[in-house]
Amino acid sequence: MSFEELMKNPIPAELCRDANINEGVDCGTECGDEPVVPGVDPEKVPSPTPVEPVPPVIDPAPEADAPVEPKDAELTPDESKRVDDVINTVATPILLNSELDECDMKEFVEGLDIDIAVAEGFLTERTIVRFDKNAKRAQLFEVAVRAVAREKKDPLYRKLEWLEKMKRIIEAKLRKKYESPARKKVLGYIDRAKKSKSGILSKIAHKLSGK
């Protein structure tokens, strides 16, 4: 075989590899070409799937676990006023009934204190009837009705028990959701009652606040 014919034949792979390593000789492949593996179609070799970097784990701030007040708990000025009106007219009879005995209640109803409380918005004419003896008898009557229905195992009483259980569950969820604004409203009510010109109501409010 002549020298010219020898130069036309491809260089054996072993010699090409050795030449590349030792002298950097180009074996007829362009720079950047992938090496061809015998028996493997380069077009069918799947390209490696890129791995996305994993973001570092950042410890939450200490306040991240603190309960967050829902945005819908924020009251508009009109809503705030209506809530105050409800608390005034509902909480005041509860406080008076729980803190005053029969003689003190008679003094409150027959004296000027009740007129002052109505004028200041702590009571309405409709809520005054709760101090009447007939209203207390009506409450006792309701207790008796329930006691009889329970002994008779009335299906309506069982249904009432189920409804009251659901009521307690829903009320617990509402307390958790609106705890912060409700506490602010209660403190605001006590402060208003402490400043009342009604000596009885002011005394009860001071006793309730512990000051």
N, C-alpha and C. Protein backbone atom coordinates (compact mmCIF):
# COMPACT_ATOMS: atom_id res chain seq x y z
N MET A 1 0.87 -1.19 0.00
CA MET A 1 0.00 0.00 0.00
C MET A 1 0.89 1.23 0.00
N SER A 2 0.57 2.13 -0.90
CA SER A 2 1.39 3.34 -1.01
C SER A 2 1.08 4.31 0.10
N PHE A 3 1.92 5.32 0.27
CA PHE A 3 1.74 6.33 1.31
C PHE A 3 0.47 7.13 1.10
N GLU A 4 0.16 7.43 -0.19
CA GLU A 4 -1.04 8.20 -0.49
C GLU A 4 -2.29 7.42 -0.10
N GLU A 5 -2.31 6.08 -0.40
CA GLU A 5 -3.47 5.27 -0.05
C GLU A 5 -3.60 5.16 1.48
N LEU A 6 -2.49 5.08 2.16
CA LEU A 6 -2.54 4.99 3.62
C LEU A 6 -3.13 6.24 4.25
N MET A 7 -2.85 7.40 3.70
CA MET A 7 -3.37 8.66 4.24
C MET A 7 -4.86 8.81 4.03
N LYS A 8 -5.38 8.12 2.96
CA LYS A 8 -6.81 8.21 2.69
C LYS A 8 -7.63 7.38 3.66
N ASN A 9 -7.08 6.34 4.29
CA ASN A 9 -7.82 5.50 5.23
C ASN A 9 -7.99 6.24 6.57
N PRO A 10 -9.12 6.00 7.26
CA PRO A 10 -9.32 6.64 8.57
C PRO A 10 -8.36 6.11 9.60
N ILE A 11 -7.99 6.93 10.53
CA ILE A 11 -7.06 6.54 11.58
C ILE A 11 -7.79 5.65 12.57
N PRO A 12 -7.23 4.53 12.96
CA PRO A 12 -7.89 3.68 13.96
C PRO A 12 -8.21 4.46 15.22
N ALA A 13 -9.35 4.05 15.88
CA ALA A 13 -9.82 4.78 17.06
C ALA A 13 -8.80 4.78 18.18
N GLU A 14 -8.07 3.63 18.33
CA GLU A 14 -7.09 3.57 19.40
C GLU A 14 -5.98 4.59 19.21
N LEU A 15 -5.53 4.69 17.96
CA LEU A 15 -4.46 5.64 17.68
C LEU A 15 -4.96 7.07 17.84
N CYS A 16 -6.22 7.29 17.42
CA CYS A 16 -6.80 8.66 17.54
C CYS A 16 -6.89 9.06 19.00
N ARG A 17 -7.31 8.10 19.84
CA ARG A 17 -7.46 8.42 21.25
C ARG A 17 -6.11 8.73 21.87
N ASP A 18 -5.12 7.90 21.52
CA ASP A 18 -3.79 8.13 22.05
C ASP A 18 -3.21 9.45 21.57
N ALA A 19 -3.50 9.76 20.33
CA ALA A 19 -2.97 11.01 19.79
C ALA A 19 -3.62 12.21 20.45
N ASN A 20 -4.89 12.11 20.69
CA ASN A 20 -5.59 13.23 21.35
C ASN A 20 -5.03 13.46 22.74
N ILE A 21 -4.79 12.37 23.42
CA ILE A 21 -4.32 12.51 24.80
C ILE A 21 -2.90 13.06 24.83
N ASN A 22 -2.05 12.51 23.94
CA ASN A 22 -0.63 12.85 24.03
C ASN A 22 -0.28 14.13 23.30
N GLU A 23 -0.87 14.34 22.11
CA GLU A 23 -0.41 15.46 21.30
C GLU A 23 -1.53 16.42 20.89
N GLY A 24 -2.81 16.12 21.23
CA GLY A 24 -3.89 17.01 20.85
C GLY A 24 -4.17 16.97 19.37
N VAL A 25 -3.96 15.80 18.71
CA VAL A 25 -4.18 15.71 17.28
C VAL A 25 -5.66 15.62 17.00
N ASP A 26 -6.14 16.37 15.99
CA ASP A 26 -7.54 16.34 15.58
C ASP A 26 -7.78 15.07 14.78
N CYS A 27 -8.79 14.26 15.16
CA CYS A 27 -9.04 12.99 14.49
C CYS A 27 -10.12 13.10 13.44
N GLY A 28 -10.31 14.20 12.88
CA GLY A 28 -11.31 14.34 11.82
C GLY A 28 -12.66 14.76 12.32
N THR A 29 -12.80 15.02 13.63
CA THR A 29 -14.08 15.50 14.18
C THR A 29 -13.93 16.96 14.50
N GLU A 30 -15.02 17.68 14.33
CA GLU A 30 -14.99 19.12 14.61
C GLU A 30 -15.04 19.35 16.10
N CYS A 31 -14.55 20.50 16.48
CA CYS A 31 -14.55 20.83 17.89
C CYS A 31 -15.97 20.86 18.42
N GLY A 32 -16.21 20.24 19.53
CA GLY A 32 -17.53 20.26 20.14
C GLY A 32 -18.38 19.08 19.73
N ASP A 33 -17.93 18.23 18.74
CA ASP A 33 -18.72 17.06 18.35
C ASP A 33 -18.72 16.05 19.48
N GLU A 34 -19.90 15.40 19.70
CA GLU A 34 -20.01 14.37 20.71
C GLU A 34 -19.35 13.11 20.20
N PRO A 35 -18.66 12.36 21.01
CA PRO A 35 -18.07 11.10 20.58
C PRO A 35 -19.14 10.10 20.23
N VAL A 36 -18.89 9.33 19.20
CA VAL A 36 -19.86 8.34 18.74
C VAL A 36 -19.58 7.03 19.42
N VAL A 37 -20.61 6.46 20.10
CA VAL A 37 -20.48 5.17 20.78
C VAL A 37 -20.96 4.10 19.84
N PRO A 38 -20.16 3.04 19.59
CA PRO A 38 -20.58 1.98 18.65
C PRO A 38 -21.88 1.34 19.10
N GLY A 39 -22.83 1.16 18.15
CA GLY A 39 -24.10 0.49 18.42
C GLY A 39 -25.15 1.37 19.03
N VAL A 40 -24.89 2.66 19.20
CA VAL A 40 -25.86 3.56 19.82
C VAL A 40 -26.15 4.70 18.88
N ASP A 41 -27.44 4.91 18.61
CA ASP A 41 -27.87 6.01 17.75
C ASP A 41 -27.85 7.29 18.58
N PRO A 42 -26.99 8.24 18.23
CA PRO A 42 -26.92 9.46 19.06
C PRO A 42 -28.22 10.23 19.11
N GLU A 43 -29.08 10.09 18.06
CA GLU A 43 -30.33 10.83 18.06
C GLU A 43 -31.32 10.25 19.05
N LYS A 44 -31.12 8.94 19.42
CA LYS A 44 -32.07 8.30 20.32
C LYS A 44 -31.61 8.34 21.78
N VAL A 45 -30.47 8.90 22.01
CA VAL A 45 -29.98 9.00 23.39
C VAL A 45 -30.67 10.18 24.06
N PRO A 46 -31.44 9.93 25.11
CA PRO A 46 -32.15 11.06 25.75
C PRO A 46 -31.18 12.01 26.41
N SER A 47 -31.52 13.27 26.26
CA SER A 47 -30.69 14.29 26.90
C SER A 47 -31.00 14.32 28.38
N PRO A 48 -30.02 14.59 29.21
CA PRO A 48 -30.27 14.60 30.66
C PRO A 48 -31.27 15.68 31.04
N THR A 49 -32.21 15.32 31.98
CA THR A 49 -33.23 16.27 32.45
C THR A 49 -32.59 17.29 33.37
N PRO A 50 -32.76 18.56 33.05
CA PRO A 50 -32.16 19.57 33.93
C PRO A 50 -32.77 19.54 35.32
N VAL A 51 -31.98 19.63 36.33
CA VAL A 51 -32.43 19.61 37.71
C VAL A 51 -32.55 21.04 38.21
N GLU A 52 -33.79 21.39 38.63
CA GLU A 52 -34.00 22.74 39.13
C GLU A 52 -33.40 22.86 40.52
N PRO A 53 -32.77 23.98 40.78
CA PRO A 53 -32.17 24.17 42.11
C PRO A 53 -33.24 24.21 43.19
N VAL A 54 -32.97 23.57 44.32
CA VAL A 54 -33.91 23.56 45.43
C VAL A 54 -33.71 24.82 46.25
N PRO A 55 -34.80 25.61 46.47
CA PRO A 55 -34.64 26.84 47.26
C PRO A 55 -34.28 26.50 48.70
N PRO A 56 -33.48 27.31 49.32
CA PRO A 56 -33.10 27.05 50.71
C PRO A 56 -34.29 27.15 51.64
N VAL A 57 -34.30 26.32 52.67
CA VAL A 57 -35.37 26.35 53.67
C VAL A 57 -35.09 27.46 54.66
N ILE A 58 -36.05 28.36 54.78
CA ILE A 58 -35.90 29.51 55.67
C ILE A 58 -36.83 29.32 56.85
N ASP A 59 -36.31 29.38 58.04
CA ASP A 59 -37.15 29.26 59.22
C ASP A 59 -38.09 30.44 59.30
N PRO A 60 -39.39 30.17 59.60
CA PRO A 60 -40.34 31.28 59.70
C PRO A 60 -40.01 32.18 60.86
N ALA A 61 -40.41 33.41 60.71
CA ALA A 61 -40.19 34.37 61.79
C ALA A 61 -41.02 33.96 63.00
N PRO A 62 -40.63 34.37 64.20
CA PRO A 62 -41.36 33.97 65.40
C PRO A 62 -42.82 34.36 65.35
N GLU A 63 -43.12 35.52 64.74
CA GLU A 63 -44.50 35.97 64.71
C GLU A 63 -45.33 35.28 63.66
N ALA A 64 -44.72 34.38 62.86
CA ALA A 64 -45.48 33.73 61.79
C ALA A 64 -46.55 32.81 62.36
N ASP A 65 -46.31 32.24 63.57
CA ASP A 65 -47.27 31.33 64.17
C ASP A 65 -48.36 32.07 64.93
N ALA A 66 -48.23 33.36 65.08
CA ALA A 66 -49.23 34.13 65.81
C ALA A 66 -50.52 34.21 65.00
N PRO A 67 -51.69 34.17 65.68
CA PRO A 67 -52.95 34.26 64.94
C PRO A 67 -53.07 35.58 64.22
N VAL A 68 -53.51 35.51 62.98
CA VAL A 68 -53.67 36.70 62.16
C VAL A 68 -55.13 37.08 62.12
N GLU A 69 -55.41 38.32 62.43
CA GLU A 69 -56.79 38.78 62.41
C GLU A 69 -57.29 38.85 60.97
N PRO A 70 -58.42 38.20 60.68
CA PRO A 70 -58.93 38.24 59.30
C PRO A 70 -59.28 39.66 58.88
N LYS A 71 -59.08 39.92 57.60
CA LYS A 71 -59.37 41.26 57.09
C LYS A 71 -60.83 41.64 57.24
N ASP A 72 -61.73 40.64 57.11
CA ASP A 72 -63.14 40.96 57.21
C ASP A 72 -63.57 41.25 58.64
N ALA A 73 -62.62 41.16 59.63
CA ALA A 73 -62.95 41.51 61.01
C ALA A 73 -62.87 43.02 61.24
N GLU A 74 -62.26 43.73 60.32
CA GLU A 74 -62.17 45.18 60.45
C GLU A 74 -63.55 45.80 60.21
N LEU A 75 -63.94 46.65 61.12
CA LEU A 75 -65.26 47.26 61.08
C LEU A 75 -65.20 48.66 60.46
N THR A 76 -66.18 48.94 59.62
CA THR A 76 -66.32 50.29 59.12
C THR A 76 -66.92 51.15 60.23
N PRO A 77 -66.87 52.47 60.11
CA PRO A 77 -67.46 53.32 61.16
C PRO A 77 -68.94 53.01 61.41
N ASP A 78 -69.73 52.79 60.35
CA ASP A 78 -71.15 52.48 60.53
C ASP A 78 -71.32 51.13 61.23
N GLU A 79 -70.53 50.14 60.81
CA GLU A 79 -70.62 48.83 61.45
C GLU A 79 -70.23 48.91 62.92
N SER A 80 -69.18 49.69 63.21
CA SER A 80 -68.73 49.84 64.58
C SER A 80 -69.81 50.45 65.46
N LYS A 81 -70.52 51.44 64.94
CA LYS A 81 -71.58 52.09 65.72
C LYS A 81 -72.73 51.12 65.99
N ARG A 82 -73.10 50.33 64.96
CA ARG A 82 -74.20 49.39 65.15
C ARG A 82 -73.83 48.30 66.16
N VAL A 83 -72.56 47.87 66.14
CA VAL A 83 -72.12 46.88 67.12
C VAL A 83 -72.18 47.46 68.52
N ASP A 84 -71.74 48.71 68.67
CA ASP A 84 -71.81 49.36 69.99
C ASP A 84 -73.25 49.46 70.48
N ASP A 85 -74.18 49.79 69.59
CA ASP A 85 -75.59 49.90 69.97
C ASP A 85 -76.12 48.55 70.47
N VAL A 86 -75.75 47.48 69.78
CA VAL A 86 -76.22 46.15 70.19
C VAL A 86 -75.64 45.79 71.55
N ILE A 87 -74.34 46.04 71.74
CA ILE A 87 -73.70 45.70 73.02
C ILE A 87 -74.33 46.51 74.14
N ASN A 88 -74.57 47.79 73.89
CA ASN A 88 -75.17 48.64 74.92
C ASN A 88 -76.50 48.07 75.41
N THR A 89 -77.37 47.75 74.46
CA THR A 89 -78.73 47.36 74.82
C THR A 89 -78.86 45.90 75.25
N VAL A 90 -77.88 45.08 74.94
CA VAL A 90 -77.93 43.66 75.34
C VAL A 90 -77.10 43.40 76.58
N ALA A 91 -75.91 43.99 76.64
CA ALA A 91 -75.02 43.72 77.77
C ALA A 91 -75.51 44.38 79.06
N THR A 92 -76.09 45.56 78.95
CA THR A 92 -76.52 46.27 80.16
C THR A 92 -77.56 45.50 80.96
N PRO A 93 -78.63 44.99 80.36
CA PRO A 93 -79.58 44.18 81.16
C PRO A 93 -78.92 42.94 81.78
N ILE A 94 -77.98 42.33 81.06
CA ILE A 94 -77.30 41.16 81.61
C ILE A 94 -76.52 41.53 82.86
N LEU A 95 -75.78 42.65 82.79
CA LEU A 95 -75.00 43.09 83.94
C LEU A 95 -75.90 43.46 85.12
N LEU A 96 -76.95 44.18 84.84
CA LEU A 96 -77.85 44.60 85.92
C LEU A 96 -78.51 43.40 86.59
N ASN A 97 -78.96 42.44 85.79
CA ASN A 97 -79.62 41.26 86.36
C ASN A 97 -78.65 40.41 87.18
N SER A 98 -77.38 40.39 86.76
CA SER A 98 -76.42 39.54 87.46
C SER A 98 -75.82 40.22 88.69
N GLU A 99 -75.80 41.55 88.72
CA GLU A 99 -75.12 42.27 89.79
C GLU A 99 -76.08 42.86 90.84
N LEU A 100 -77.31 43.06 90.49
CA LEU A 100 -78.25 43.70 91.41
C LEU A 100 -79.20 42.68 92.01
N ASP A 101 -79.44 42.81 93.30
CA ASP A 101 -80.49 41.98 93.91
C ASP A 101 -81.83 42.65 93.67
N GLU A 102 -82.87 42.07 94.23
CA GLU A 102 -84.22 42.56 93.94
C GLU A 102 -84.43 43.98 94.44
N CYS A 103 -83.88 44.31 95.60
CA CYS A 103 -84.05 45.66 96.15
C CYS A 103 -83.29 46.70 95.31
N ASP A 104 -82.05 46.35 94.92
CA ASP A 104 -81.27 47.27 94.10
C ASP A 104 -81.90 47.45 92.73
N MET A 105 -82.44 46.38 92.18
CA MET A 105 -83.08 46.48 90.88
C MET A 105 -84.32 47.38 90.96
N LYS A 106 -85.08 47.28 92.05
CA LYS A 106 -86.26 48.13 92.22
C LYS A 106 -85.85 49.59 92.32
N GLU A 107 -84.73 49.83 93.03
CA GLU A 107 -84.23 51.21 93.13
C GLU A 107 -83.79 51.73 91.77
N PHE A 108 -83.16 50.86 90.97
CA PHE A 108 -82.69 51.29 89.66
C PHE A 108 -83.87 51.60 88.74
N VAL A 109 -84.89 50.75 88.74
CA VAL A 109 -86.02 50.92 87.82
C VAL A 109 -86.88 52.11 88.22
N GLU A 110 -87.07 52.31 89.52
CA GLU A 110 -87.98 53.37 89.97
C GLU A 110 -87.28 54.71 90.14
N GLY A 111 -85.95 54.75 90.08
CA GLY A 111 -85.23 56.00 90.26
C GLY A 111 -84.86 56.66 88.93
N LEU A 112 -83.92 57.59 89.02
CA LEU A 112 -83.47 58.32 87.84
C LEU A 112 -82.44 57.55 87.02
N ASP A 113 -81.84 56.53 87.62
CA ASP A 113 -80.77 55.81 86.93
C ASP A 113 -81.23 55.19 85.61
N ILE A 114 -82.43 54.67 85.63
CA ILE A 114 -82.90 54.02 84.40
C ILE A 114 -83.12 55.03 83.29
N ASP A 115 -83.62 56.23 83.65
CA ASP A 115 -83.80 57.28 82.63
C ASP A 115 -82.44 57.73 82.08
N ILE A 116 -81.45 57.82 82.96
CA ILE A 116 -80.11 58.20 82.51
C ILE A 116 -79.55 57.14 81.56
N ALA A 117 -79.72 55.87 81.93
CA ALA A 117 -79.21 54.79 81.09
C ALA A 117 -79.86 54.79 79.71
N VAL A 118 -81.16 55.06 79.66
CA VAL A 118 -81.85 55.14 78.37
C VAL A 118 -81.34 56.33 77.57
N ALA A 119 -81.17 57.48 78.22
CA ALA A 119 -80.70 58.67 77.52
C ALA A 119 -79.29 58.48 76.98
N GLU A 120 -78.45 57.73 77.70
CA GLU A 120 -77.08 57.51 77.26
C GLU A 120 -76.96 56.35 76.27
N GLY A 121 -78.08 55.69 75.99
CA GLY A 121 -78.06 54.62 74.99
C GLY A 121 -77.73 53.24 75.54
N PHE A 122 -77.67 53.11 76.87
CA PHE A 122 -77.35 51.81 77.46
C PHE A 122 -78.58 50.91 77.57
N LEU A 123 -79.74 51.48 77.47
CA LEU A 123 -80.99 50.72 77.54
C LEU A 123 -81.99 51.31 76.56
N THR A 124 -82.96 50.50 76.21
CA THR A 124 -84.09 50.98 75.42
C THR A 124 -85.36 50.63 76.18
N GLU A 125 -86.45 51.24 75.78
CA GLU A 125 -87.73 50.96 76.43
C GLU A 125 -88.08 49.47 76.31
N ARG A 126 -87.67 48.85 75.24
CA ARG A 126 -88.01 47.45 75.03
C ARG A 126 -87.21 46.54 75.96
N THR A 127 -85.96 46.89 76.25
CA THR A 127 -85.15 46.03 77.11
C THR A 127 -85.50 46.20 78.59
N ILE A 128 -86.20 47.26 78.94
CA ILE A 128 -86.54 47.47 80.35
C ILE A 128 -87.46 46.37 80.85
N VAL A 129 -88.30 45.81 79.98
CA VAL A 129 -89.26 44.79 80.42
C VAL A 129 -88.54 43.54 80.93
N ARG A 130 -87.26 43.39 80.63
CA ARG A 130 -86.53 42.22 81.12
C ARG A 130 -86.36 42.26 82.63
N PHE A 131 -86.52 43.44 83.23
CA PHE A 131 -86.36 43.55 84.68
C PHE A 131 -87.67 43.22 85.41
N ASP A 132 -88.74 43.01 84.65
CA ASP A 132 -90.04 42.77 85.26
C ASP A 132 -90.09 41.35 85.84
N LYS A 133 -90.85 41.18 86.90
CA LYS A 133 -90.99 39.87 87.51
C LYS A 133 -91.61 38.86 86.56
N ASN A 134 -92.52 39.33 85.72
CA ASN A 134 -93.17 38.42 84.77
C ASN A 134 -92.15 37.84 83.79
N ALA A 135 -91.14 38.65 83.43
CA ALA A 135 -90.12 38.16 82.52
C ALA A 135 -89.31 37.04 83.16
N LYS A 136 -89.02 37.19 84.45
CA LYS A 136 -88.27 36.15 85.15
C LYS A 136 -89.10 34.88 85.29
N ARG A 137 -90.40 35.04 85.51
CA ARG A 137 -91.28 33.87 85.58
C ARG A 137 -91.34 33.16 84.24
N ALA A 138 -91.31 33.93 83.16
CA ALA A 138 -91.32 33.33 81.82
C ALA A 138 -90.06 32.49 81.59
N GLN A 139 -88.94 32.96 82.11
CA GLN A 139 -87.70 32.19 81.99
C GLN A 139 -87.80 30.89 82.78
N LEU A 140 -88.38 30.95 83.97
CA LEU A 140 -88.56 29.74 84.76
C LEU A 140 -89.50 28.77 84.05
N PHE A 141 -90.51 29.29 83.40
CA PHE A 141 -91.45 28.45 82.66
C PHE A 141 -90.74 27.69 81.53
N GLU A 142 -89.83 28.37 80.83
CA GLU A 142 -89.09 27.72 79.76
C GLU A 142 -88.21 26.59 80.30
N VAL A 143 -87.64 26.81 81.47
CA VAL A 143 -86.83 25.77 82.09
C VAL A 143 -87.69 24.55 82.41
N ALA A 144 -88.88 24.79 82.92
CA ALA A 144 -89.79 23.69 83.24
C ALA A 144 -90.22 22.93 81.99
N VAL A 145 -90.50 23.65 80.91
CA VAL A 145 -90.91 23.00 79.67
C VAL A 145 -89.81 22.06 79.18
N ARG A 146 -88.60 22.47 79.22
CA ARG A 146 -87.48 21.64 78.77
C ARG A 146 -87.31 20.41 79.66
N ALA A 147 -87.47 20.61 80.96
CA ALA A 147 -87.31 19.49 81.88
C ALA A 147 -88.36 18.41 81.62
N VAL A 148 -89.61 18.82 81.39
CA VAL A 148 -90.67 17.85 81.11
C VAL A 148 -90.43 17.14 79.78
N ALA A 149 -90.04 17.91 78.75
CA ALA A 149 -89.80 17.32 77.42
C ALA A 149 -88.66 16.31 77.47
N ARG A 150 -87.64 16.59 78.28
CA ARG A 150 -86.52 15.65 78.39
C ARG A 150 -86.96 14.35 79.06
N GLU A 151 -87.76 14.45 80.12
CA GLU A 151 -88.24 13.24 80.80
C GLU A 151 -89.15 12.40 79.90
N LYS A 152 -89.89 13.05 79.04
CA LYS A 152 -90.80 12.35 78.13
C LYS A 152 -90.07 11.83 76.89
N LYS A 153 -88.76 12.13 76.80
CA LYS A 153 -87.96 11.71 75.65
C LYS A 153 -88.62 12.14 74.33
N ASP A 154 -89.05 13.37 74.33
CA ASP A 154 -89.72 13.92 73.15
C ASP A 154 -88.72 14.06 72.00
N PRO A 155 -89.07 13.58 70.78
CA PRO A 155 -88.15 13.74 69.64
C PRO A 155 -87.80 15.19 69.36
N LEU A 156 -88.72 16.09 69.63
CA LEU A 156 -88.42 17.51 69.41
C LEU A 156 -87.34 17.99 70.37
N TYR A 157 -87.33 17.42 71.57
CA TYR A 157 -86.29 17.82 72.52
C TYR A 157 -84.93 17.32 72.06
N ARG A 158 -84.87 16.09 71.51
CA ARG A 158 -83.61 15.58 70.98
C ARG A 158 -83.13 16.43 69.81
N LYS A 159 -84.07 16.88 68.98
CA LYS A 159 -83.70 17.75 67.87
C LYS A 159 -83.19 19.09 68.40
N LEU A 160 -83.80 19.59 69.45
CA LEU A 160 -83.35 20.84 70.05
C LEU A 160 -81.94 20.69 70.60
N GLU A 161 -81.65 19.55 71.24
CA GLU A 161 -80.30 19.31 71.74
C GLU A 161 -79.28 19.31 70.62
N TRP A 162 -79.64 18.68 69.48
CA TRP A 162 -78.72 18.63 68.34
C TRP A 162 -78.46 20.03 67.79
N LEU A 163 -79.52 20.83 67.69
CA LEU A 163 -79.38 22.19 67.18
C LEU A 163 -78.51 23.04 68.12
N GLU A 164 -78.67 22.85 69.41
CA GLU A 164 -77.86 23.62 70.35
C GLU A 164 -76.40 23.18 70.31
N LYS A 165 -76.15 21.90 70.04
CA LYS A 165 -74.78 21.44 69.88
C LYS A 165 -74.14 22.09 68.66
N MET A 166 -74.87 22.12 67.54
CA MET A 166 -74.36 22.78 66.35
C MET A 166 -74.14 24.27 66.62
N LYS A 167 -75.03 24.86 67.39
CA LYS A 167 -74.91 26.28 67.74
C LYS A 167 -73.61 26.53 68.51
N ARG A 168 -73.26 25.65 69.44
CA ARG A 168 -72.03 25.81 70.21
C ARG A 168 -70.80 25.68 69.32
N ILE A 169 -70.85 24.75 68.36
CA ILE A 169 -69.72 24.57 67.45
C ILE A 169 -69.50 25.82 66.60
N ILE A 170 -70.59 26.34 66.06
CA ILE A 170 -70.49 27.54 65.22
C ILE A 170 -70.04 28.74 66.04
N GLU A 171 -70.57 28.87 67.25
CA GLU A 171 -70.17 29.99 68.10
C GLU A 171 -68.67 29.93 68.44
N ALA A 172 -68.15 28.71 68.64
CA ALA A 172 -66.71 28.57 68.93
C ALA A 172 -65.87 29.03 67.75
N LYS A 173 -66.31 28.71 66.53
CA LYS A 173 -65.59 29.15 65.34
C LYS A 173 -65.65 30.66 65.20
N LEU A 174 -66.80 31.25 65.49
CA LEU A 174 -66.93 32.70 65.40
C LEU A 174 -66.08 33.40 66.46
N ARG A 175 -66.02 32.83 67.66
CA ARG A 175 -65.17 33.43 68.71
C ARG A 175 -63.71 33.44 68.29
N LYS A 176 -63.27 32.34 67.68
CA LYS A 176 -61.88 32.27 67.23
C LYS A 176 -61.61 33.27 66.12
N LYS A 177 -62.58 33.46 65.24
CA LYS A 177 -62.37 34.32 64.08
C LYS A 177 -62.42 35.80 64.44
N TYR A 178 -63.31 36.17 65.36
CA TYR A 178 -63.51 37.60 65.66
C TYR A 178 -63.14 37.95 67.10
N GLU A 179 -62.20 37.19 67.68
CA GLU A 179 -61.82 37.41 69.08
C GLU A 179 -61.28 38.82 69.30
N SER A 180 -60.37 39.26 68.44
CA SER A 180 -59.70 40.54 68.65
C SER A 180 -60.67 41.73 68.61
N PRO A 181 -61.47 41.91 67.55
CA PRO A 181 -62.38 43.06 67.55
C PRO A 181 -63.45 42.98 68.63
N ALA A 182 -63.87 41.75 68.99
CA ALA A 182 -64.90 41.62 70.03
C ALA A 182 -64.35 42.06 71.39
N ARG A 183 -63.11 41.69 71.68
CA ARG A 183 -62.52 42.13 72.96
C ARG A 183 -62.40 43.65 73.02
N LYS A 184 -62.03 44.25 71.91
CA LYS A 184 -61.92 45.71 71.88
C LYS A 184 -63.28 46.35 72.15
N LYS A 185 -64.34 45.76 71.60
CA LYS A 185 -65.68 46.31 71.80
C LYS A 185 -66.15 46.16 73.25
N VAL A 186 -65.81 45.04 73.87
CA VAL A 186 -66.19 44.83 75.27
C VAL A 186 -65.48 45.84 76.17
N LEU A 187 -64.18 46.05 75.93
CA LEU A 187 -63.44 47.03 76.72
C LEU A 187 -63.99 48.44 76.50
N GLY A 188 -64.39 48.72 75.25
CA GLY A 188 -64.98 50.02 74.97
C GLY A 188 -66.29 50.21 75.69
N TYR A 189 -67.10 49.15 75.75
CA TYR A 189 -68.38 49.24 76.48
C TYR A 189 -68.15 49.50 77.96
N ILE A 190 -67.20 48.79 78.56
CA ILE A 190 -66.93 48.98 79.99
C ILE A 190 -66.46 50.40 80.26
N ASP A 191 -65.62 50.94 79.40
CA ASP A 191 -65.15 52.31 79.58
C ASP A 191 -66.31 53.30 79.50
N ARG A 192 -67.22 53.08 78.55
CA ARG A 192 -68.37 53.99 78.44
C ARG A 192 -69.26 53.89 79.68
N ALA A 193 -69.47 52.67 80.16
CA ALA A 193 -70.33 52.49 81.33
C ALA A 193 -69.71 53.09 82.58
N LYS A 194 -68.39 53.05 82.69
CA LYS A 194 -67.72 53.64 83.85
C LYS A 194 -67.93 55.15 83.90
N LYS A 195 -68.10 55.76 82.73
CA LYS A 195 -68.28 57.20 82.65
C LYS A 195 -69.76 57.61 82.71
N SER A 196 -70.65 56.62 82.86
CA SER A 196 -72.07 56.92 82.89
C SER A 196 -72.43 57.77 84.11
N LYS A 197 -73.41 58.63 83.94
CA LYS A 197 -73.89 59.47 85.04
C LYS A 197 -74.79 58.68 85.98
N SER A 198 -75.15 57.46 85.56
CA SER A 198 -75.90 56.58 86.45
C SER A 198 -74.93 55.97 87.45
N GLY A 199 -75.13 56.30 88.72
CA GLY A 199 -74.22 55.80 89.75
C GLY A 199 -74.19 54.28 89.81
N ILE A 200 -75.36 53.66 89.66
CA ILE A 200 -75.43 52.19 89.75
C ILE A 200 -74.68 51.55 88.59
N LEU A 201 -74.94 52.04 87.37
CA LEU A 201 -74.29 51.46 86.20
C LEU A 201 -72.78 51.70 86.22
N SER A 202 -72.38 52.89 86.65
CA SER A 202 -70.96 53.19 86.73
C SER A 202 -70.26 52.32 87.76
N LYS A 203 -70.94 52.08 88.89
CA LYS A 203 -70.37 51.25 89.94
C LYS A 203 -70.17 49.81 89.45
N ILE A 204 -71.15 49.29 88.71
CA ILE A 204 -71.05 47.92 88.19
C ILE A 204 -69.89 47.83 87.20
N ALA A 205 -69.74 48.85 86.35
CA ALA A 205 -68.67 48.83 85.35
C ALA A 205 -67.29 48.87 86.00
N HIS A 206 -67.14 49.70 87.06
CA HIS A 206 -65.87 49.76 87.76
C HIS A 206 -65.56 48.41 88.45
N LYS A 207 -66.59 47.80 88.97
CA LYS A 207 -66.42 46.49 89.60
C LYS A 207 -66.01 45.45 88.56
N LEU A 208 -66.59 45.56 87.38
CA LEU A 208 -66.29 44.59 86.31
C LEU A 208 -64.88 44.73 85.81
N SER A 209 -64.38 45.95 85.74
CA SER A 209 -63.03 46.19 85.25
C SER A 209 -61.97 46.00 86.31
N GLY A 210 -62.41 45.89 87.56
CA GLY A 210 -61.45 45.70 88.65
C GLY A 210 -60.76 46.97 89.06
N LYS A 211 -61.28 48.12 88.68
CA LYS A 211 -60.66 49.40 89.03
C LYS A 211 -61.68 50.28 89.74
